[in-house]
């Protein structure tokens, strides 16, 4: 199946004959490669080249959330739950979301004096447990609480965008 194909260190497959990159990017952002009349995900072929099997109930995850980055060191074997941890929020954000941030929602109410009250709730869900992190006056403060809890609970399973945002938060906090 992989005769005439070689792995390039940049994380993609090339033809030994033409030295050109194989495949195309599909509408979901995954690289696809056609071999012997079948279409395969490029990241699965890369994993296979390095001797990896993908057992039932397991998935290949792109650590940095970039579906075209198929370097072997960017791929990891995870179960369903672990794979769900690494989804980009903007790809699955509900249409009725009140915040631009994952784990944050806006709550409004009418005060007794007739003015509108606004509170930003921060909620983190992990393995069936819901952590209510509090209500905040500012949306960004609610997201910071989410980031701290995410890093504390998920550890290495954090999506890269959460880690990046957390690092920015820590750097800004120290300055």
Protein backbone atom coordinates (compact mmCIF):
# COMPACT_ATOMS: atom_id res chain seq x y z
CA UNK A 1 0.00 0.00 0.00
CA UNK A 2 2.82 2.42 0.80
CA UNK A 3 5.21 1.41 -1.98
CA UNK A 4 6.57 4.50 -3.69
CA UNK A 5 5.77 6.70 -0.68
CA UNK A 6 8.13 8.21 1.85
CA UNK A 7 7.71 10.29 4.97
CA UNK A 8 9.08 13.84 4.98
CA UNK A 9 10.32 15.32 8.28
CA UNK A 10 7.91 18.24 7.88
CA UNK A 11 5.09 15.76 8.53
CA UNK A 12 3.72 14.77 5.17
CA UNK A 13 3.98 12.01 2.59
CA UNK A 14 5.74 12.46 -0.72
CA UNK A 15 6.01 10.36 -3.84
CA UNK A 16 9.44 8.75 -4.22
CA UNK A 17 9.13 9.15 -7.96
CA UNK A 18 8.03 12.79 -8.31
CA UNK A 19 9.21 14.06 -4.88
CA UNK A 20 5.89 15.96 -4.61
CA UNK A 21 3.51 15.99 -1.69
CA UNK A 22 0.70 13.48 -1.97
CA UNK A 23 -2.96 14.16 -1.35
CA UNK A 24 -5.18 17.13 -0.67
CA UNK A 25 -6.83 18.93 2.22
CA UNK A 26 -10.50 18.07 2.73
CA UNK A 27 -13.25 20.46 3.86
CA UNK A 28 -12.61 19.62 7.54
CA UNK A 29 -8.92 20.48 7.25
CA UNK A 30 -7.53 16.93 7.25
CA UNK A 31 -4.97 15.82 4.67
CA UNK A 32 -6.18 12.88 2.56
CA UNK A 33 -4.14 10.54 0.39
CA UNK A 34 -5.43 8.15 -2.28
CA UNK A 35 -3.60 4.83 -2.61
CA UNK A 36 -4.68 1.76 -4.58
CA UNK A 37 -8.21 3.09 -5.08
CA UNK A 38 -8.80 3.89 -1.38
CA UNK A 39 -8.69 7.26 0.37
CA UNK A 40 -6.86 7.46 3.72
CA UNK A 41 -6.21 10.13 6.30
CA UNK A 42 -2.57 11.14 5.99
CA UNK A 43 -2.03 11.17 9.76
CA UNK A 44 -3.12 7.52 9.97
CA UNK A 45 -0.65 6.55 7.25
CA UNK A 46 2.15 8.42 9.02
CA UNK A 47 1.29 6.59 12.25
CA UNK A 48 1.28 3.28 10.36
CA UNK A 49 4.71 4.00 8.78
CA UNK A 50 6.21 4.38 12.25
CA UNK A 51 4.82 1.01 13.29
CA UNK A 52 1.84 2.22 15.22
CA UNK A 53 -1.39 0.27 15.43
CA UNK A 54 -4.68 1.93 16.20
CA UNK A 55 -6.72 -0.38 18.40
CA UNK A 56 -10.52 -0.31 18.57
CA UNK A 57 -11.78 2.62 20.63
CA UNK A 58 -8.58 4.60 20.09
CA UNK A 59 -8.02 7.72 18.00
CA UNK A 60 -5.10 9.70 16.64
CA UNK A 61 -4.98 13.21 18.02
CA UNK A 62 -3.12 16.24 16.68
CA UNK A 63 -1.55 17.76 19.80
CA UNK A 64 -1.48 21.29 18.38
CA UNK A 65 -5.02 21.07 16.86
CA UNK A 66 -3.61 21.62 13.35
CA UNK A 67 -5.14 18.84 11.26
CA UNK A 68 -2.56 19.30 8.49
CA UNK A 69 0.42 18.98 10.84
CA UNK A 70 1.11 15.26 10.59
CA UNK A 71 4.60 15.18 12.09
CA UNK A 72 4.94 12.00 14.14
CA UNK A 73 5.82 13.99 17.27
CA UNK A 74 2.55 15.94 16.89
CA UNK A 75 0.43 12.77 16.86
CA UNK A 76 -0.64 10.80 19.90
CA UNK A 77 -2.90 7.83 20.49
CA UNK A 78 -5.85 8.71 22.74
CA UNK A 79 -9.24 7.36 23.73
CA UNK A 80 -12.56 9.01 22.85
CA UNK A 81 -12.66 11.23 25.93
CA UNK A 82 -9.07 12.41 25.53
CA UNK A 83 -9.71 13.18 21.87
CA UNK A 84 -12.73 15.31 22.78
CA UNK A 85 -10.54 17.43 25.09
CA UNK A 86 -8.55 18.72 22.14
CA UNK A 87 -11.33 20.30 20.10
CA UNK A 88 -11.13 23.91 19.06
CA UNK A 89 -13.89 25.93 20.71
CA UNK A 90 -14.56 28.08 17.65
CA UNK A 91 -15.28 24.93 15.59
CA UNK A 92 -17.91 23.64 18.01
CA UNK A 93 -19.12 26.92 19.55
CA UNK A 94 -22.90 26.96 19.83
CA UNK A 95 -24.64 29.61 17.72
CA UNK A 96 -26.35 31.00 20.81
CA UNK A 97 -23.10 31.31 22.82
CA UNK A 98 -22.92 34.52 24.82
CA UNK A 99 -19.11 34.59 25.13
CA UNK A 100 -16.20 34.36 22.75
CA UNK A 101 -14.41 32.14 25.29
CA UNK A 102 -14.80 28.46 26.02
CA UNK A 103 -16.34 27.79 29.45
CA UNK A 104 -17.73 31.30 29.90
CA UNK A 105 -21.32 32.46 29.65
CA UNK A 106 -23.14 35.72 30.27
CA UNK A 107 -25.92 35.91 32.80
CA UNK A 108 -28.17 38.95 32.96
CA UNK A 109 -30.97 39.87 35.33
CA UNK A 110 -33.01 42.89 36.37
CA UNK A 111 -32.07 44.49 39.66
CA UNK A 112 -34.69 45.84 42.02
CA UNK A 113 -33.83 49.38 40.97
CA UNK A 114 -34.64 48.48 37.34
CA UNK A 115 -31.05 48.39 36.06
CA UNK A 116 -29.65 45.43 34.25
CA UNK A 117 -27.12 43.25 36.05
CA UNK A 118 -24.43 41.31 34.17
CA UNK A 119 -22.28 38.50 35.47
CA UNK A 120 -19.86 36.26 33.59
CA UNK A 121 -20.06 32.65 34.79
CA UNK A 122 -17.10 30.31 34.44
CA UNK A 123 -17.84 26.58 34.28
CA UNK A 124 -15.41 23.76 33.50
CA UNK A 125 -16.57 20.24 32.61
CA UNK A 126 -14.30 17.20 32.71
CA UNK A 127 -15.14 13.48 32.75
CA UNK A 128 -18.72 14.08 33.79
CA UNK A 129 -17.84 16.48 36.61
CA UNK A 130 -18.93 20.11 36.43
CA UNK A 131 -16.80 22.67 38.25
CA UNK A 132 -18.54 25.98 38.91
CA UNK A 133 -15.68 28.46 39.09
CA UNK A 134 -17.67 31.52 40.05
CA UNK A 135 -19.21 34.68 38.70
CA UNK A 136 -17.06 37.55 37.48
CA UNK A 137 -17.62 41.16 36.53
CA UNK A 138 -15.34 40.87 33.49
CA UNK A 139 -15.52 38.22 30.78
CA UNK A 140 -11.72 37.87 30.65
CA UNK A 141 -11.56 37.15 34.40
CA UNK A 142 -14.03 34.29 33.97
CA UNK A 143 -11.89 32.89 31.16
CA UNK A 144 -8.74 33.15 33.31
CA UNK A 145 -10.48 31.03 35.98
CA UNK A 146 -11.36 28.50 33.26
CA UNK A 147 -7.75 28.40 32.04
CA UNK A 148 -6.35 27.82 35.52
CA UNK A 149 -8.79 24.97 36.21
CA UNK A 150 -8.22 23.44 32.77
CA UNK A 151 -4.45 23.34 33.24
CA UNK A 152 -4.88 22.01 36.79
CA UNK A 153 -7.27 19.19 35.83
CA UNK A 154 -6.38 18.21 32.25
CA UNK A 155 -2.62 18.53 32.39
CA UNK A 156 -1.09 17.47 29.09
CA UNK A 157 -4.49 16.87 27.48
CA UNK A 158 -5.13 20.58 27.19
CA UNK A 159 -5.76 21.85 23.69
CA UNK A 160 -2.84 23.94 22.46
CA UNK A 161 -4.96 27.11 22.29
CA UNK A 162 -5.75 26.75 26.02
CA UNK A 163 -2.07 26.29 26.87
CA UNK A 164 -1.12 29.30 24.71
CA UNK A 165 -3.78 31.48 26.35
CA UNK A 166 -2.71 30.26 29.82
CA UNK A 167 0.94 31.13 29.11
CA UNK A 168 -0.09 34.61 27.91
CA UNK A 169 -2.13 35.03 31.11
CA UNK A 170 0.80 34.01 33.33
CA UNK A 171 3.22 36.30 31.46
CA UNK A 172 0.81 39.26 31.72
CA UNK A 173 0.20 38.54 35.40
CA UNK A 174 3.93 38.70 36.17
CA UNK A 175 4.51 42.00 34.34
